[in-house]
Amino acid sequence: MKDAPKDDDFVFVEVTKTFMMSKAQARKMVSVSRLIHSDRTFFSRDDDGTEIRTTGEDFLTEDMDHDYAEAAGELTDPEGLLGLELVSTSSKNLDANAVDELVRFWPDNWRSDALKRLDNLDD
């Protein structure tokens, strides 16, 4: 029987991309992100415990401004999709402490599920 997978069975990397765009491109990016994620449903509770169901993502900050960073982060290829200018990229390997912080609230079976998905790609 195989041992249960551990965090060190995986490699975690963080990639940061910095884009430059016009204000019109930025607004279009938010609109595209909203459209792509319009079928998402979120569940939360208000202060009284009543369930709140929200469909779609608004990509707004707490101040109700466009959240350009969140919108860009949710697009697979904002550079190719919208013609944004990629001005810099940085990356790093995450250490064990950073991985622990990242996965601490994930379901217990995430490792097994991830390995199953990866095995299916090898077929």
PDB file of N, CA and C in Angstrom:
ATOM      1  N   MET A   1       0.845  -1.193   0.000  1.00  0.00           N
ATOM      2  CA  MET A   1       0.000   0.000   0.000  1.00  0.00           C
ATOM      3  C   MET A   1       0.886   1.251   0.000  1.00  0.00           C
ATOM      4  N   LYS A   2       0.545   2.200  -0.836  1.00  0.00           N
ATOM      5  CA  LYS A   2       1.318   3.437  -0.927  1.00  0.00           C
ATOM      6  C   LYS A   2       1.099   4.298   0.311  1.00  0.00           C
ATOM      7  N   ASP A   3       2.163   4.999   0.706  1.00  0.00           N
ATOM      8  CA  ASP A   3       2.024   5.966   1.792  1.00  0.00           C
ATOM      9  C   ASP A   3       1.207   7.157   1.304  1.00  0.00           C
ATOM     10  N   ALA A   4       0.510   7.789   2.217  1.00  0.00           N
ATOM     11  CA  ALA A   4      -0.249   8.989   1.865  1.00  0.00           C
ATOM     12  C   ALA A   4       0.725  10.061   1.383  1.00  0.00           C
ATOM     13  N   PRO A   5       0.352  10.799   0.354  1.00  0.00           N
ATOM     14  CA  PRO A   5       1.257  11.843  -0.147  1.00  0.00           C
ATOM     15  C   PRO A   5       1.487  12.928   0.901  1.00  0.00           C
ATOM     16  N   LYS A   6       2.650  13.524   0.837  1.00  0.00           N
ATOM     17  CA  LYS A   6       3.022  14.604   1.760  1.00  0.00           C
ATOM     18  C   LYS A   6       3.272  15.874   0.948  1.00  0.00           C
ATOM     19  N   ASP A   7       3.384  16.998   1.659  1.00  0.00           N
ATOM     20  CA  ASP A   7       3.634  18.268   0.971  1.00  0.00           C
ATOM     21  C   ASP A   7       4.888  18.204   0.113  1.00  0.00           C
ATOM     22  N   ASP A   8       5.916  17.494   0.590  1.00  0.00           N
ATOM     23  CA  ASP A   8       7.162  17.474  -0.170  1.00  0.00           C
ATOM     24  C   ASP A   8       7.107  16.547  -1.388  1.00  0.00           C
ATOM     25  N   ASP A   9       5.941  15.933  -1.654  1.00  0.00           N
ATOM     26  CA  ASP A   9       5.729  15.220  -2.910  1.00  0.00           C
ATOM     27  C   ASP A   9       5.403  16.192  -4.039  1.00  0.00           C
ATOM     28  N   PHE A  10       5.273  17.467  -3.715  1.00  0.00           N
ATOM     29  CA  PHE A  10       4.880  18.500  -4.665  1.00  0.00           C
ATOM     30  C   PHE A  10       5.922  19.611  -4.682  1.00  0.00           C
ATOM     31  N   VAL A  11       5.937  20.374  -5.742  1.00  0.00           N
ATOM     32  CA  VAL A  11       6.765  21.563  -5.847  1.00  0.00           C
ATOM     33  C   VAL A  11       5.817  22.750  -5.927  1.00  0.00           C
ATOM     34  N   PHE A  12       6.023  23.727  -5.076  1.00  0.00           N
ATOM     35  CA  PHE A  12       5.198  24.934  -5.067  1.00  0.00           C
ATOM     36  C   PHE A  12       6.060  26.111  -5.504  1.00  0.00           C
ATOM     37  N   VAL A  13       5.587  26.838  -6.507  1.00  0.00           N
ATOM     38  CA  VAL A  13       6.281  28.035  -6.974  1.00  0.00           C
ATOM     39  C   VAL A  13       5.302  29.202  -6.989  1.00  0.00           C
ATOM     40  N   GLU A  14       5.822  30.364  -6.773  1.00  0.00           N
ATOM     41  CA  GLU A  14       5.028  31.588  -6.840  1.00  0.00           C
ATOM     42  C   GLU A  14       5.566  32.408  -8.001  1.00  0.00           C
ATOM     43  N   VAL A  15       4.676  32.817  -8.896  1.00  0.00           N
ATOM     44  CA  VAL A  15       5.060  33.613 -10.053  1.00  0.00           C
ATOM     45  C   VAL A  15       4.288  34.932  -9.994  1.00  0.00           C
ATOM     46  N   THR A  16       5.003  36.019 -10.097  1.00  0.00           N
ATOM     47  CA  THR A  16       4.389  37.342 -10.083  1.00  0.00           C
ATOM     48  C   THR A  16       4.656  38.016 -11.414  1.00  0.00           C
ATOM     49  N   LYS A  17       3.598  38.489 -12.043  1.00  0.00           N
ATOM     50  CA  LYS A  17       3.722  39.209 -13.313  1.00  0.00           C
ATOM     51  C   LYS A  17       3.218  40.634 -13.109  1.00  0.00           C
ATOM     52  N   THR A  18       3.916  41.579 -13.680  1.00  0.00           N
ATOM     53  CA  THR A  18       3.506  42.977 -13.630  1.00  0.00           C
ATOM     54  C   THR A  18       3.133  43.416 -15.042  1.00  0.00           C
ATOM     55  N   PHE A  19       1.907  43.897 -15.182  1.00  0.00           N
ATOM     56  CA  PHE A  19       1.398  44.347 -16.478  1.00  0.00           C
ATOM     57  C   PHE A  19       1.233  45.863 -16.477  1.00  0.00           C
ATOM     58  N   MET A  20       1.402  46.453 -17.637  1.00  0.00           N
ATOM     59  CA  MET A  20       1.096  47.863 -17.843  1.00  0.00           C
ATOM     60  C   MET A  20      -0.025  47.910 -18.877  1.00  0.00           C
ATOM     61  N   MET A  21      -1.007  48.775 -18.645  1.00  0.00           N
ATOM     62  CA  MET A  21      -2.149  48.872 -19.553  1.00  0.00           C
ATOM     63  C   MET A  21      -2.754  50.260 -19.470  1.00  0.00           C
ATOM     64  N   SER A  22      -3.507  50.610 -20.483  1.00  0.00           N
ATOM     65  CA  SER A  22      -4.247  51.874 -20.442  1.00  0.00           C
ATOM     66  C   SER A  22      -5.433  51.704 -19.496  1.00  0.00           C
ATOM     67  N   LYS A  23      -6.023  52.803 -19.108  1.00  0.00           N
ATOM     68  CA  LYS A  23      -7.208  52.736 -18.244  1.00  0.00           C
ATOM     69  C   LYS A  23      -8.355  52.022 -18.955  1.00  0.00           C
ATOM     70  N   ALA A  24      -8.472  52.242 -20.265  1.00  0.00           N
ATOM     71  CA  ALA A  24      -9.528  51.564 -21.028  1.00  0.00           C
ATOM     72  C   ALA A  24      -9.291  50.056 -21.033  1.00  0.00           C
ATOM     73  N   GLN A  25      -8.036  49.634 -21.214  1.00  0.00           N
ATOM     74  CA  GLN A  25      -7.728  48.204 -21.164  1.00  0.00           C
ATOM     75  C   GLN A  25      -8.027  47.625 -19.784  1.00  0.00           C
ATOM     76  N   ALA A  26      -7.727  48.391 -18.741  1.00  0.00           N
ATOM     77  CA  ALA A  26      -7.973  47.922 -17.378  1.00  0.00           C
ATOM     78  C   ALA A  26      -9.469  47.720 -17.140  1.00  0.00           C
ATOM     79  N   ARG A  27     -10.284  48.659 -17.596  1.00  0.00           N
ATOM     80  CA  ARG A  27     -11.739  48.516 -17.438  1.00  0.00           C
ATOM     81  C   ARG A  27     -12.250  47.319 -18.238  1.00  0.00           C
ATOM     82  N   LYS A  28     -11.720  47.130 -19.433  1.00  0.00           N
ATOM     83  CA  LYS A  28     -12.114  45.991 -20.256  1.00  0.00           C
ATOM     84  C   LYS A  28     -11.708  44.685 -19.575  1.00  0.00           C
ATOM     85  N   MET A  29     -10.546  44.662 -18.948  1.00  0.00           N
ATOM     86  CA  MET A  29     -10.077  43.471 -18.255  1.00  0.00           C
ATOM     87  C   MET A  29     -11.042  43.090 -17.125  1.00  0.00           C
ATOM     88  N   VAL A  30     -11.510  44.079 -16.381  1.00  0.00           N
ATOM     89  CA  VAL A  30     -12.476  43.813 -15.310  1.00  0.00           C
ATOM     90  C   VAL A  30     -13.770  43.269 -15.904  1.00  0.00           C
ATOM     91  N   SER A  31     -14.230  43.857 -16.991  1.00  0.00           N
ATOM     92  CA  SER A  31     -15.462  43.378 -17.640  1.00  0.00           C
ATOM     93  C   SER A  31     -15.319  41.941 -18.122  1.00  0.00           C
ATOM     94  N   VAL A  32     -14.183  41.628 -18.734  1.00  0.00           N
ATOM     95  CA  VAL A  32     -13.944  40.264 -19.223  1.00  0.00           C
ATOM     96  C   VAL A  32     -13.891  39.283 -18.055  1.00  0.00           C
ATOM     97  N   SER A  33     -13.211  39.654 -16.975  1.00  0.00           N
ATOM     98  CA  SER A  33     -13.143  38.775 -15.798  1.00  0.00           C
ATOM     99  C   SER A  33     -14.525  38.543 -15.212  1.00  0.00           C
ATOM    100  N   ARG A  34     -15.337  39.596 -15.153  1.00  0.00           N
ATOM    101  CA  ARG A  34     -16.707  39.438 -14.642  1.00  0.00           C
ATOM    102  C   ARG A  34     -17.494  38.469 -15.513  1.00  0.00           C
ATOM    103  N   LEU A  35     -17.373  38.609 -16.816  1.00  0.00           N
ATOM    104  CA  LEU A  35     -18.093  37.741 -17.738  1.00  0.00           C
ATOM    105  C   LEU A  35     -17.648  36.289 -17.589  1.00  0.00           C
ATOM    106  N   ILE A  36     -16.358  36.060 -17.566  1.00  0.00           N
ATOM    107  CA  ILE A  36     -15.832  34.700 -17.458  1.00  0.00           C
ATOM    108  C   ILE A  36     -16.260  34.031 -16.153  1.00  0.00           C
ATOM    109  N   HIS A  37     -16.354  34.798 -15.088  1.00  0.00           N
ATOM    110  CA  HIS A  37     -16.675  34.229 -13.785  1.00  0.00           C
ATOM    111  C   HIS A  37     -18.129  34.448 -13.368  1.00  0.00           C
ATOM    112  N   SER A  38     -18.982  34.768 -14.328  1.00  0.00           N
ATOM    113  CA  SER A  38     -20.383  35.070 -14.003  1.00  0.00           C
ATOM    114  C   SER A  38     -21.162  33.856 -13.515  1.00  0.00           C
ATOM    115  N   ASP A  39     -20.663  32.647 -13.770  1.00  0.00           N
ATOM    116  CA  ASP A  39     -21.397  31.457 -13.338  1.00  0.00           C
ATOM    117  C   ASP A  39     -20.970  30.960 -11.955  1.00  0.00           C
ATOM    118  N   ARG A  40     -20.021  31.620 -11.325  1.00  0.00           N
ATOM    119  CA  ARG A  40     -19.600  31.229  -9.982  1.00  0.00           C
ATOM    120  C   ARG A  40     -20.684  31.573  -8.973  1.00  0.00           C
ATOM    121  N   THR A  41     -20.855  30.702  -7.997  1.00  0.00           N
ATOM    122  CA  THR A  41     -21.798  30.977  -6.917  1.00  0.00           C
ATOM    123  C   THR A  41     -21.043  30.917  -5.599  1.00  0.00           C
ATOM    124  N   PHE A  42     -21.175  31.955  -4.784  1.00  0.00           N
ATOM    125  CA  PHE A  42     -20.523  32.044  -3.484  1.00  0.00           C
ATOM    126  C   PHE A  42     -21.579  32.009  -2.395  1.00  0.00           C
ATOM    127  N   PHE A  43     -21.265  31.341  -1.310  1.00  0.00           N
ATOM    128  CA  PHE A  43     -22.167  31.275  -0.168  1.00  0.00           C
ATOM    129  C   PHE A  43     -21.475  31.886   1.042  1.00  0.00           C
ATOM    130  N   SER A  44     -22.199  32.708   1.765  1.00  0.00           N
ATOM    131  CA  SER A  44     -21.683  33.295   2.998  1.00  0.00           C
ATOM    132  C   SER A  44     -22.853  33.488   3.950  1.00  0.00           C
ATOM    133  N   ARG A  45     -22.574  34.006   5.103  1.00  0.00           N
ATOM    134  CA  ARG A  45     -23.628  34.275   6.092  1.00  0.00           C
ATOM    135  C   ARG A  45     -23.494  35.706   6.587  1.00  0.00           C
ATOM    136  N   ASP A  46     -24.650  36.343   6.805  1.00  0.00           N
ATOM    137  CA  ASP A  46     -24.604  37.688   7.358  1.00  0.00           C
ATOM    138  C   ASP A  46     -24.470  37.599   8.874  1.00  0.00           C
ATOM    139  N   ASP A  47     -24.530  38.737   9.557  1.00  0.00           N
ATOM    140  CA  ASP A  47     -24.332  38.769  11.009  1.00  0.00           C
ATOM    141  C   ASP A  47     -25.383  37.971  11.765  1.00  0.00           C
ATOM    142  N   ASP A  48     -26.572  37.815  11.185  1.00  0.00           N
ATOM    143  CA  ASP A  48     -27.652  37.060  11.835  1.00  0.00           C
ATOM    144  C   ASP A  48     -27.588  35.573  11.512  1.00  0.00           C
ATOM    145  N   GLY A  49     -26.646  35.170  10.670  1.00  0.00           N
ATOM    146  CA  GLY A  49     -26.525  33.765  10.299  1.00  0.00           C
ATOM    147  C   GLY A  49     -27.340  33.374   9.080  1.00  0.00           C
ATOM    148  N   THR A  50     -27.994  34.341   8.464  1.00  0.00           N
ATOM    149  CA  THR A  50     -28.769  34.057   7.260  1.00  0.00           C
ATOM    150  C   THR A  50     -27.826  33.825   6.094  1.00  0.00           C
ATOM    151  N   GLU A  51     -28.099  32.757   5.334  1.00  0.00           N
ATOM    152  CA  GLU A  51     -27.244  32.438   4.198  1.00  0.00           C
ATOM    153  C   GLU A  51     -27.425  33.457   3.086  1.00  0.00           C
ATOM    154  N   ILE A  52     -26.308  33.907   2.541  1.00  0.00           N
ATOM    155  CA  ILE A  52     -26.309  34.833   1.416  1.00  0.00           C
ATOM    156  C   ILE A  52     -25.701  34.105   0.228  1.00  0.00           C
ATOM    157  N   ARG A  53     -26.398  34.124  -0.876  1.00  0.00           N
ATOM    158  CA  ARG A  53     -25.928  33.479  -2.104  1.00  0.00           C
ATOM    159  C   ARG A  53     -25.633  34.573  -3.128  1.00  0.00           C
ATOM    160  N   THR A  54     -24.392  34.596  -3.610  1.00  0.00           N
ATOM    161  CA  THR A  54     -23.971  35.600  -4.575  1.00  0.00           C
ATOM    162  C   THR A  54     -23.518  34.893  -5.837  1.00  0.00           C
ATOM    163  N   THR A  55     -24.045  35.338  -6.957  1.00  0.00           N
ATOM    164  CA  THR A  55     -23.642  34.761  -8.236  1.00  0.00           C
ATOM    165  C   THR A  55     -22.743  35.753  -8.945  1.00  0.00           C
ATOM    166  N   GLY A  56     -21.619  35.240  -9.451  1.00  0.00           N
ATOM    167  CA  GLY A  56     -20.672  36.084 -10.162  1.00  0.00           C
ATOM    168  C   GLY A  56     -19.682  36.730  -9.212  1.00  0.00           C
ATOM    169  N   GLU A  57     -18.692  37.313  -9.785  1.00  0.00           N
ATOM    170  CA  GLU A  57     -17.638  38.007  -9.047  1.00  0.00           C
ATOM    171  C   GLU A  57     -17.650  39.452  -9.499  1.00  0.00           C
ATOM    172  N   ASP A  58     -17.650  40.397  -8.543  1.00  0.00           N
ATOM    173  CA  ASP A  58     -17.759  41.801  -8.947  1.00  0.00           C
ATOM    174  C   ASP A  58     -16.417  42.466  -9.225  1.00  0.00           C
ATOM    175  N   PHE A  59     -15.331  41.910  -8.728  1.00  0.00           N
ATOM    176  CA  PHE A  59     -14.001  42.479  -8.906  1.00  0.00           C
ATOM    177  C   PHE A  59     -13.981  43.945  -8.493  1.00  0.00           C
ATOM    178  N   LEU A  60     -14.476  44.179  -7.282  1.00  0.00           N
ATOM    179  CA  LEU A  60     -14.455  45.509  -6.687  1.00  0.00           C
ATOM    180  C   LEU A  60     -13.660  45.464  -5.391  1.00  0.00           C
ATOM    181  N   THR A  61     -12.992  46.577  -5.078  1.00  0.00           N
ATOM    182  CA  THR A  61     -12.293  46.697  -3.803  1.00  0.00           C
ATOM    183  C   THR A  61     -13.314  47.026  -2.719  1.00  0.00           C
ATOM    184  N   GLU A  62     -12.862  47.073  -1.477  1.00  0.00           N
ATOM    185  CA  GLU A  62     -13.751  47.453  -0.371  1.00  0.00           C
ATOM    186  C   GLU A  62     -14.278  48.870  -0.548  1.00  0.00           C
ATOM    187  N   ASP A  63     -13.519  49.706  -1.265  1.00  0.00           N
ATOM    188  CA  ASP A  63     -13.937  51.087  -1.530  1.00  0.00           C
ATOM    189  C   ASP A  63     -14.814  51.201  -2.770  1.00  0.00           C
ATOM    190  N   MET A  64     -15.193  50.032  -3.345  1.00  0.00           N
ATOM    191  CA  MET A  64     -16.062  49.947  -4.521  1.00  0.00           C
ATOM    192  C   MET A  64     -15.395  50.477  -5.786  1.00  0.00           C
ATOM    193  N   ASP A  65     -14.062  50.435  -5.828  1.00  0.00           N
ATOM    194  CA  ASP A  65     -13.318  50.742  -7.047  1.00  0.00           C
ATOM    195  C   ASP A  65     -13.052  49.429  -7.780  1.00  0.00           C
ATOM    196  N   HIS A  66     -12.732  49.510  -9.061  1.00  0.00           N
ATOM    197  CA  HIS A  66     -12.363  48.296  -9.800  1.00  0.00           C
ATOM    198  C   HIS A  66     -11.140  47.665  -9.167  1.00  0.00           C
ATOM    199  N   ASP A  67     -11.172  46.352  -8.998  1.00  0.00           N
ATOM    200  CA  ASP A  67     -10.025  45.619  -8.469  1.00  0.00           C
ATOM    201  C   ASP A  67      -9.262  45.024  -9.648  1.00  0.00           C
ATOM    202  N   TYR A  68      -8.378  45.826 -10.206  1.00  0.00           N
ATOM    203  CA  TYR A  68      -7.643  45.426 -11.398  1.00  0.00           C
ATOM    204  C   TYR A  68      -6.734  44.228 -11.126  1.00  0.00           C
ATOM    205  N   ALA A  69      -6.110  44.214  -9.970  1.00  0.00           N
ATOM    206  CA  ALA A  69      -5.189  43.116  -9.643  1.00  0.00           C
ATOM    207  C   ALA A  69      -5.935  41.791  -9.560  1.00  0.00           C
ATOM    208  N   GLU A  70      -7.051  41.775  -8.890  1.00  0.00           N
ATOM    209  CA  GLU A  70      -7.839  40.541  -8.764  1.00  0.00           C
ATOM    210  C   GLU A  70      -8.352  40.093 -10.129  1.00  0.00           C
ATOM    211  N   ALA A  71      -8.810  41.048 -10.931  1.00  0.00           N
ATOM    212  CA  ALA A  71      -9.317  40.713 -12.265  1.00  0.00           C
ATOM    213  C   ALA A  71      -8.209  40.112 -13.130  1.00  0.00           C
ATOM    214  N   ALA A  72      -7.015  40.685 -13.085  1.00  0.00           N
ATOM    215  CA  ALA A  72      -5.897  40.157 -13.875  1.00  0.00           C
ATOM    216  C   ALA A  72      -5.488  38.775 -13.370  1.00  0.00           C
ATOM    217  N   GLY A  73      -5.509  38.605 -12.056  1.00  0.00           N
ATOM    218  CA  GLY A  73      -5.111  37.326 -11.468  1.00  0.00           C
ATOM    219  C   GLY A  73      -6.045  36.187 -11.808  1.00  0.00           C
ATOM    220  N   GLU A  74      -7.263  36.492 -12.161  1.00  0.00           N
ATOM    221  CA  GLU A  74      -8.247  35.457 -12.490  1.00  0.00           C
ATOM    222  C   GLU A  74      -8.266  35.105 -13.977  1.00  0.00           C
ATOM    223  N   LEU A  75      -7.525  35.843 -14.778  1.00  0.00           N
ATOM    224  CA  LEU A  75      -7.457  35.548 -16.210  1.00  0.00           C
ATOM    225  C   LEU A  75      -6.228  34.693 -16.501  1.00  0.00           C
ATOM    226  N   THR A  76      -6.402  33.681 -17.314  1.00  0.00           N
ATOM    227  CA  THR A  76      -5.309  32.781 -17.643  1.00  0.00           C
ATOM    228  C   THR A  76      -4.209  33.494 -18.416  1.00  0.00           C
ATOM    229  N   ASP A  77      -4.572  34.319 -19.369  1.00  0.00           N
ATOM    230  CA  ASP A  77      -3.582  34.969 -20.230  1.00  0.00           C
ATOM    231  C   ASP A  77      -4.002  36.402 -20.531  1.00  0.00           C
ATOM    232  N   PRO A  78      -3.927  37.304 -19.544  1.00  0.00           N
ATOM    233  CA  PRO A  78      -4.364  38.681 -19.811  1.00  0.00           C
ATOM    234  C   PRO A  78      -3.524  39.371 -20.876  1.00  0.00           C
ATOM    235  N   GLU A  79      -2.279  38.973 -21.005  1.00  0.00           N
ATOM    236  CA  GLU A  79      -1.398  39.562 -22.016  1.00  0.00           C
ATOM    237  C   GLU A  79      -1.889  39.229 -23.417  1.00  0.00           C
ATOM    238  N   GLY A  80      -2.175  37.954 -23.668  1.00  0.00           N
ATOM    239  CA  GLY A  80      -2.644  37.545 -24.986  1.00  0.00           C
ATOM    240  C   GLY A  80      -4.083  37.924 -25.251  1.00  0.00           C
ATOM    241  N   LEU A  81      -4.924  37.833 -24.225  1.00  0.00           N
ATOM    242  CA  LEU A  81      -6.350  38.095 -24.385  1.00  0.00           C
ATOM    243  C   LEU A  81      -6.651  39.564 -24.651  1.00  0.00           C
ATOM    244  N   LEU A  82      -5.960  40.441 -23.936  1.00  0.00           N
ATOM    245  CA  LEU A  82      -6.288  41.865 -24.006  1.00  0.00           C
ATOM    246  C   LEU A  82      -5.148  42.741 -24.525  1.00  0.00           C
ATOM    247  N   GLY A  83      -4.028  42.126 -24.879  1.00  0.00           N
ATOM    248  CA  GLY A  83      -2.908  42.896 -25.406  1.00  0.00           C
ATOM    249  C   GLY A  83      -2.204  43.739 -24.361  1.00  0.00           C
ATOM    250  N   LEU A  84      -2.224  43.311 -23.111  1.00  0.00           N
ATOM    251  CA  LEU A  84      -1.547  44.064 -22.056  1.00  0.00           C
ATOM    252  C   LEU A  84      -0.038  43.911 -22.217  1.00  0.00           C
ATOM    253  N   GLU A  85       0.687  44.877 -21.725  1.00  0.00           N
ATOM    254  CA  GLU A  85       2.146  44.868 -21.808  1.00  0.00           C
ATOM    255  C   GLU A  85       2.718  44.249 -20.531  1.00  0.00           C
ATOM    256  N   LEU A  86       3.400  43.111 -20.679  1.00  0.00           N
ATOM    257  CA  LEU A  86       4.076  42.462 -19.557  1.00  0.00           C
ATOM    258  C   LEU A  86       5.401  43.177 -19.353  1.00  0.00           C
ATOM    259  N   VAL A  87       5.578  43.827 -18.192  1.00  0.00           N
ATOM    260  CA  VAL A  87       6.793  44.621 -17.972  1.00  0.00           C
ATOM    261  C   VAL A  87       7.806  43.932 -17.067  1.00  0.00           C
ATOM    262  N   SER A  88       7.365  42.978 -16.251  1.00  0.00           N
ATOM    263  CA  SER A  88       8.330  42.220 -15.450  1.00  0.00           C
ATOM    264  C   SER A  88       7.685  40.954 -14.915  1.00  0.00           C
ATOM    265  N   THR A  89       8.546  39.985 -14.636  1.00  0.00           N
ATOM    266  CA  THR A  89       8.120  38.716 -14.053  1.00  0.00           C
ATOM    267  C   THR A  89       9.122  38.338 -12.980  1.00  0.00           C
ATOM    268  N   SER A  90       8.625  37.846 -11.873  1.00  0.00           N
ATOM    269  CA  SER A  90       9.518  37.310 -10.845  1.00  0.00           C
ATOM    270  C   SER A  90       8.924  35.997 -10.359  1.00  0.00           C
ATOM    271  N   SER A  91       9.796  35.138  -9.870  1.00  0.00           N
ATOM    272  CA  SER A  91       9.322  33.841  -9.390  1.00  0.00           C
ATOM    273  C   SER A  91      10.218  33.354  -8.265  1.00  0.00           C
ATOM    274  N   LYS A  92       9.657  32.459  -7.460  1.00  0.00           N
ATOM    275  CA  LYS A  92      10.445  31.861  -6.383  1.00  0.00           C
ATOM    276  C   LYS A  92       9.827  30.525  -6.002  1.00  0.00           C
ATOM    277  N   ASN A  93      10.659  29.656  -5.475  1.00  0.00           N
ATOM    278  CA  ASN A  93      10.188  28.399  -4.903  1.00  0.00           C
ATOM    279  C   ASN A  93       9.700  28.687  -3.490  1.00  0.00           C
ATOM    280  N   LEU A  94       8.576  28.092  -3.112  1.00  0.00           N
ATOM    281  CA  LEU A  94       8.067  28.295  -1.757  1.00  0.00           C
ATOM    282  C   LEU A  94       8.723  27.287  -0.818  1.00  0.00           C
ATOM    283  N   ASP A  95       9.132  27.775   0.356  1.00  0.00           N
ATOM    284  CA  ASP A  95       9.719  26.881   1.352  1.00  0.00           C
ATOM    285  C   ASP A  95       8.602  26.188   2.134  1.00  0.00           C
ATOM    286  N   ALA A  96       8.983  25.266   2.995  1.00  0.00           N
ATOM    287  CA  ALA A  96       8.003  24.457   3.733  1.00  0.00           C
ATOM    288  C   ALA A  96       7.055  25.316   4.563  1.00  0.00           C
ATOM    289  N   ASN A  97       7.557  26.382   5.177  1.00  0.00           N
ATOM    290  CA  ASN A  97       6.692  27.250   5.986  1.00  0.00           C
ATOM    291  C   ASN A  97       5.646  27.955   5.127  1.00  0.00           C
ATOM    292  N   ALA A  98       6.063  28.433   3.958  1.00  0.00           N
ATOM    293  CA  ALA A  98       5.115  29.097   3.059  1.00  0.00           C
ATOM    294  C   ALA A  98       4.068  28.113   2.553  1.00  0.00           C
ATOM    295  N   VAL A  99       4.483  26.881   2.259  1.00  0.00           N
ATOM    296  CA  VAL A  99       3.539  25.854   1.812  1.00  0.00           C
ATOM    297  C   VAL A  99       2.555  25.533   2.922  1.00  0.00           C
ATOM    298  N   ASP A 100       3.064  25.374   4.145  1.00  0.00           N
ATOM    299  CA  ASP A 100       2.168  25.093   5.284  1.00  0.00           C
ATOM    300  C   ASP A 100       1.123  26.189   5.443  1.00  0.00           C
ATOM    301  N   GLU A 101       1.543  27.433   5.312  1.00  0.00           N
ATOM    302  CA  GLU A 101       0.615  28.566   5.428  1.00  0.00           C
ATOM    303  C   GLU A 101      -0.428  28.535   4.308  1.00  0.00           C
ATOM    304  N   LEU A 102       0.008  28.162   3.129  1.00  0.00           N
ATOM    305  CA  LEU A 102      -0.876  28.119   1.964  1.00  0.00           C
ATOM    306  C   LEU A 102      -1.925  27.024   2.079  1.00  0.00           C
ATOM    307  N   VAL A 103      -1.542  25.850   2.528  1.00  0.00           N
ATOM    308  CA  VAL A 103      -2.437  24.685   2.482  1.00  0.00           C
ATOM    309  C   VAL A 103      -3.145  24.398   3.797  1.00  0.00           C
ATOM    310  N   ARG A 104      -2.914  25.172   4.819  1.00  0.00           N
ATOM    311  CA  ARG A 104      -3.443  24.812   6.144  1.00  0.00           C
ATOM    312  C   ARG A 104      -4.964  24.746   6.214  1.00  0.00           C
ATOM    313  N   PHE A 105      -5.675  25.445   5.352  1.00  0.00           N
ATOM    314  CA  PHE A 105      -7.136  25.400   5.381  1.00  0.00           C
ATOM    315  C   PHE A 105      -7.719  24.570   4.243  1.00  0.00           C
ATOM    316  N   TRP A 106      -6.877  23.940   3.460  1.00  0.00           N
ATOM    317  CA  TRP A 106      -7.344  23.093   2.369  1.00  0.00           C
ATOM    318  C   TRP A 106      -7.916  21.803   2.934  1.00  0.00           C
ATOM    319  N   PRO A 107      -8.806  21.130   2.213  1.00  0.00           N
ATOM    320  CA  PRO A 107      -9.338  19.838   2.685  1.00  0.00           C
ATOM    321  C   PRO A 107      -8.204  18.824   2.861  1.00  0.00           C
ATOM    322  N   ASP A 108      -8.381  17.908   3.790  1.00  0.00           N
ATOM    323  CA  ASP A 108      -7.337  16.920   4.091  1.00  0.00           C
ATOM    324  C   ASP A 108      -6.951  16.073   2.892  1.00  0.00           C
ATOM    325  N   ASN A 109      -7.849  15.877   1.953  1.00  0.00           N
ATOM    326  CA  ASN A 109      -7.576  14.984   0.828  1.00  0.00           C
ATOM    327  C   ASN A 109      -6.996  15.701  -0.397  1.00  0.00           C
ATOM    328  N   TRP A 110      -6.571  16.939  -0.265  1.00  0.00           N
ATOM    329  CA  TRP A 110      -6.111  17.691  -1.438  1.00  0.00           C
ATOM    330  C   TRP A 110      -4.916  17.026  -2.094  1.00  0.00           C
ATOM    331  N   ARG A 111      -4.019  16.449  -1.308  1.00  0.00           N
ATOM    332  CA  ARG A 111      -2.813  15.840  -1.873  1.00  0.00           C
ATOM    333  C   ARG A 111      -3.178  14.653  -2.765  1.00  0.00           C
ATOM    334  N   SER A 112      -4.029  13.766  -2.246  1.00  0.00           N
ATOM    335  CA  SER A 112      -4.444  12.589  -3.017  1.00  0.00           C
ATOM    336  C   SER A 112      -5.192  13.010  -4.282  1.00  0.00           C
ATOM    337  N   ASP A 113      -6.081  13.979  -4.154  1.00  0.00           N
ATOM    338  CA  ASP A 113      -6.833  14.455  -5.316  1.00  0.00           C
ATOM    339  C   ASP A 113      -5.905  15.054  -6.371  1.00  0.00           C
ATOM    340  N   ALA A 114      -4.924  15.824  -5.926  1.00  0.00           N
ATOM    341  CA  ALA A 114      -3.981  16.437  -6.873  1.00  0.00           C
ATOM    342  C   ALA A 114      -3.165  15.365  -7.589  1.00  0.00           C
ATOM    343  N   LEU A 115      -2.715  14.357  -6.853  1.00  0.00           N
ATOM    344  CA  LEU A 115      -1.935  13.298  -7.491  1.00  0.00           C
ATOM    345  C   LEU A 115      -2.774  12.512  -8.488  1.00  0.00           C
ATOM    346  N   LYS A 116      -4.046  12.300  -8.194  1.00  0.00           N
ATOM    347  CA  LYS A 116      -4.929  11.605  -9.143  1.00  0.00           C
ATOM    348  C   LYS A 116      -5.058  12.399 -10.433  1.00  0.00           C
ATOM    349  N   ARG A 117      -5.234  13.737 -10.314  1.00  0.00           N
ATOM    350  CA  ARG A 117      -5.338  14.579 -11.511  1.00  0.00           C
ATOM    351  C   ARG A 117      -4.043  14.526 -12.311  1.00  0.00           C
ATOM    352  N   LEU A 118      -2.918  14.537 -11.627  1.00  0.00           N
ATOM    353  CA  LEU A 118      -1.626  14.488 -12.321  1.00  0.00           C
ATOM    354  C   LEU A 118      -1.438  13.122 -12.998  1.00  0.00           C
ATOM    355  N   ASP A 119      -1.850  12.040 -12.341  1.00  0.00           N
ATOM    356  CA  ASP A 119      -1.755  10.727 -12.949  1.00  0.00           C
ATOM    357  C   ASP A 119      -2.591  10.640 -14.220  1.00  0.00           C
ATOM    358  N   ASN A 120      -3.751  11.272 -14.221  1.00  0.00           N
ATOM    359  CA  ASN A 120      -4.621  11.263 -15.412  1.00  0.00           C
ATOM    360  C   ASN A 120      -3.950  11.998 -16.575  1.00  0.00           C
ATOM    361  N   LEU A 121      -3.132  13.005 -16.290  1.00  0.00           N
ATOM    362  CA  LEU A 121      -2.429  13.727 -17.355  1.00  0.00           C
ATOM    363  C   LEU A 121      -1.349  12.866 -17.992  1.00  0.00           C
ATOM    364  N   ASP A 122      -0.797  11.926 -17.217  1.00  0.00           N
ATOM    365  CA  ASP A 122       0.259  11.060 -17.732  1.00  0.00           C
ATOM    366  C   ASP A 122      -0.283   9.991 -18.668  1.00  0.00           C
ATOM    367  N   ASP A 123      -1.578   9.699 -18.606  1.00  0.00           N
ATOM    368  CA  ASP A 123      -2.171   8.634 -19.433  1.00  0.00           C
ATOM    369  C   ASP A 123      -2.244   8.992 -20.890  1.00  0.00           C
TER     370      ASP A 123
END
